[in-house]
């Protein structure tokens, strides 16, 4: 039991730190977008690199922030019945939902995206735009990373619920 609790704490700590670091990207995106607007309409100039950087930051924020959203309970949930369940009933729903839906989906995303990402890495895919960021392969790498982060946090949530259910048994 202690090992499982420690594992859940380590995963939660990793997800928390990641989420807090990623949150700064929202501020960076807003500042860069404001700069792009000023450059375009105030100085009559543009930057493909800056525009793509906003896209990369957006991708990082949302793809890698999915695990943090799961940990914080920020994912969309249809809770017509769920909100009336006991904590034990919620733990069962959350555990089964993670095992039956979340974890298989994460594994599917990892394995189905690997060839796509590896092809991009093999050619060191770059932006098709002149002056764009020459690292599309890094952006595509976010796909399996998102799934692995989400899988890890899904494991922590499942273990947390299993611990809750086992404590209530005793």
Protein backbone atom coordinates (compact mmCIF):
# COMPACT_ATOMS: atom_id res chain seq x y z
CA UNK A 1 0.00 0.00 0.00
CA UNK A 2 2.79 2.43 0.89
CA UNK A 3 4.56 1.74 -2.40
CA UNK A 4 1.38 2.50 -4.33
CA UNK A 5 0.77 5.69 -2.35
CA UNK A 6 4.34 6.81 -3.03
CA UNK A 7 3.96 6.04 -6.73
CA UNK A 8 0.75 8.10 -6.87
CA UNK A 9 2.51 10.96 -5.05
CA UNK A 10 5.48 10.90 -7.46
CA UNK A 11 3.23 10.90 -10.52
CA UNK A 12 1.09 13.69 -9.05
CA UNK A 13 4.19 15.75 -8.22
CA UNK A 14 5.53 15.32 -11.76
CA UNK A 15 2.16 16.29 -13.24
CA UNK A 16 1.86 19.29 -10.92
CA UNK A 17 5.32 20.61 -11.77
CA UNK A 18 4.74 20.06 -15.48
CA UNK A 19 1.37 21.80 -15.35
CA UNK A 20 2.76 24.81 -13.49
CA UNK A 21 5.62 25.20 -15.96
CA UNK A 22 3.25 24.79 -18.91
CA UNK A 23 0.90 27.43 -17.50
CA UNK A 24 3.56 30.04 -18.24
CA UNK A 25 3.15 29.24 -21.94
CA UNK A 26 -0.29 30.85 -21.85
CA UNK A 27 1.30 34.12 -20.78
CA UNK A 28 4.03 33.73 -23.39
CA UNK A 29 1.45 33.02 -26.10
CA UNK A 30 -0.56 36.11 -25.16
CA UNK A 31 2.53 38.34 -25.15
CA UNK A 32 3.81 36.96 -28.45
CA UNK A 33 0.40 37.26 -30.09
CA UNK A 34 0.21 40.90 -28.96
CA UNK A 35 3.68 41.48 -30.42
CA UNK A 36 2.66 39.88 -33.72
CA UNK A 37 -0.41 42.15 -33.92
CA UNK A 38 1.67 45.25 -33.16
CA UNK A 39 4.24 44.23 -35.76
CA UNK A 40 1.63 43.53 -38.41
CA UNK A 41 -0.70 46.49 -37.95
CA UNK A 42 1.63 49.00 -36.32
CA UNK A 43 4.87 48.33 -38.16
CA UNK A 44 3.43 46.72 -41.32
CA UNK A 45 5.72 43.70 -40.99
CA UNK A 46 5.22 40.07 -40.09
CA UNK A 47 7.12 37.07 -38.84
CA UNK A 48 6.31 33.53 -39.88
CA UNK A 49 8.66 32.29 -37.15
CA UNK A 50 6.76 34.20 -34.46
CA UNK A 51 3.40 32.96 -35.76
CA UNK A 52 4.60 29.37 -35.80
CA UNK A 53 6.08 29.81 -32.33
CA UNK A 54 2.60 30.65 -31.06
CA UNK A 55 1.36 27.41 -32.66
CA UNK A 56 4.17 25.41 -31.05
CA UNK A 57 3.48 26.97 -27.65
CA UNK A 58 -0.23 26.26 -28.06
CA UNK A 59 0.52 22.64 -28.96
CA UNK A 60 2.77 22.21 -25.93
CA UNK A 61 0.29 23.83 -23.58
CA UNK A 62 -2.68 21.73 -24.60
CA UNK A 63 -1.03 18.44 -25.50
CA UNK A 64 1.24 18.25 -22.46
CA UNK A 65 -1.29 19.96 -20.18
CA UNK A 66 -3.89 17.22 -20.66
CA UNK A 67 -2.49 15.17 -17.76
CA UNK A 68 -2.57 18.22 -15.49
CA UNK A 69 -6.20 18.84 -16.48
CA UNK A 70 -7.03 15.21 -15.62
CA UNK A 71 -5.36 15.56 -12.22
CA UNK A 72 -7.28 18.77 -11.49
CA UNK A 73 -10.60 17.24 -12.59
CA UNK A 74 -10.88 19.77 -15.41
CA UNK A 75 -11.86 17.28 -18.12
CA UNK A 76 -15.42 17.42 -19.37
CA UNK A 77 -17.58 14.95 -17.53
CA UNK A 78 -21.25 14.17 -17.96
CA UNK A 79 -22.23 13.97 -14.33
CA UNK A 80 -25.99 13.63 -14.35
CA UNK A 81 -25.68 10.51 -12.22
CA UNK A 82 -22.06 10.83 -11.07
CA UNK A 83 -22.66 13.84 -8.83
CA UNK A 84 -25.20 11.82 -6.79
CA UNK A 85 -22.85 8.86 -6.28
CA UNK A 86 -21.10 8.16 -3.00
CA UNK A 87 -17.30 8.59 -2.94
CA UNK A 88 -17.06 4.82 -3.31
CA UNK A 89 -19.34 4.86 -6.37
CA UNK A 90 -17.29 7.67 -7.91
CA UNK A 91 -14.11 5.73 -7.27
CA UNK A 92 -15.58 2.72 -9.12
CA UNK A 93 -16.70 4.87 -12.07
CA UNK A 94 -13.33 6.64 -12.25
CA UNK A 95 -11.35 3.41 -12.01
CA UNK A 96 -13.40 1.58 -14.61
CA UNK A 97 -13.43 4.62 -16.90
CA UNK A 98 -9.65 4.85 -16.76
CA UNK A 99 -9.10 1.14 -17.28
CA UNK A 100 -11.71 0.64 -20.01
CA UNK A 101 -11.49 3.95 -21.90
CA UNK A 102 -8.57 6.22 -20.98
CA UNK A 103 -5.67 3.79 -20.83
CA UNK A 104 -6.55 1.88 -24.02
CA UNK A 105 -7.05 5.19 -25.85
CA UNK A 106 -3.65 6.43 -24.65
CA UNK A 107 -1.96 3.22 -25.78
CA UNK A 108 -3.73 3.42 -29.13
CA UNK A 109 -2.53 7.01 -29.62
CA UNK A 110 1.06 6.10 -28.71
CA UNK A 111 1.25 3.12 -31.04
CA UNK A 112 -0.69 4.64 -33.92
CA UNK A 113 1.39 7.84 -33.86
CA UNK A 114 4.84 6.26 -33.64
CA UNK A 115 5.37 5.73 -37.38
CA UNK A 116 4.10 9.24 -38.09
CA UNK A 117 6.50 10.76 -35.55
CA UNK A 118 9.45 8.54 -36.49
CA UNK A 119 9.06 9.44 -40.18
CA UNK A 120 9.14 13.09 -39.24
CA UNK A 121 12.27 12.55 -37.14
CA UNK A 122 13.95 10.50 -39.91
CA UNK A 123 13.74 13.44 -42.31
CA UNK A 124 14.06 16.10 -39.57
CA UNK A 125 10.88 17.62 -40.95
CA UNK A 126 10.86 21.39 -41.17
CA UNK A 127 8.23 24.03 -41.71
CA UNK A 128 6.95 24.33 -45.28
CA UNK A 129 6.93 28.11 -44.83
CA UNK A 130 10.05 30.13 -45.64
CA UNK A 131 11.38 31.49 -42.37
CA UNK A 132 9.35 29.00 -40.34
CA UNK A 133 10.58 26.88 -37.46
CA UNK A 134 12.75 24.02 -38.74
CA UNK A 135 11.48 21.57 -36.11
CA UNK A 136 8.09 20.18 -37.09
CA UNK A 137 9.38 16.80 -35.91
CA UNK A 138 9.49 18.17 -32.35
CA UNK A 139 5.91 19.40 -32.60
CA UNK A 140 4.75 16.00 -33.85
CA UNK A 141 6.56 14.35 -30.93
CA UNK A 142 4.01 15.94 -28.64
CA UNK A 143 1.41 13.40 -29.78
CA UNK A 144 2.89 10.29 -28.13
CA UNK A 145 4.23 12.39 -25.24
CA UNK A 146 0.71 13.62 -24.53
CA UNK A 147 -0.60 10.07 -24.53
CA UNK A 148 2.19 8.85 -22.23
CA UNK A 149 1.67 11.73 -19.78
CA UNK A 150 -2.07 11.12 -19.78
CA UNK A 151 -1.53 7.37 -19.34
CA UNK A 152 0.77 8.01 -16.39
CA UNK A 153 -1.72 10.35 -14.71
CA UNK A 154 -4.55 7.93 -15.52
CA UNK A 155 -2.56 5.22 -13.73
CA UNK A 156 -2.17 7.52 -10.70
CA UNK A 157 -5.91 8.27 -10.69
CA UNK A 158 -6.76 4.57 -10.96
CA UNK A 159 -4.37 3.64 -8.15
CA UNK A 160 -5.73 6.47 -5.98
CA UNK A 161 -9.27 5.18 -6.49
CA UNK A 162 -8.17 1.58 -5.87
CA UNK A 163 -6.54 2.68 -2.61
CA UNK A 164 -9.75 4.48 -1.64
CA UNK A 165 -11.80 1.38 -2.40
CA UNK A 166 -9.42 -0.90 -0.47
CA UNK A 167 -9.44 1.42 2.57
CA UNK A 168 -13.21 1.37 2.66
CA UNK A 169 -13.15 -2.43 2.59
CA UNK A 170 -11.12 -2.52 5.83
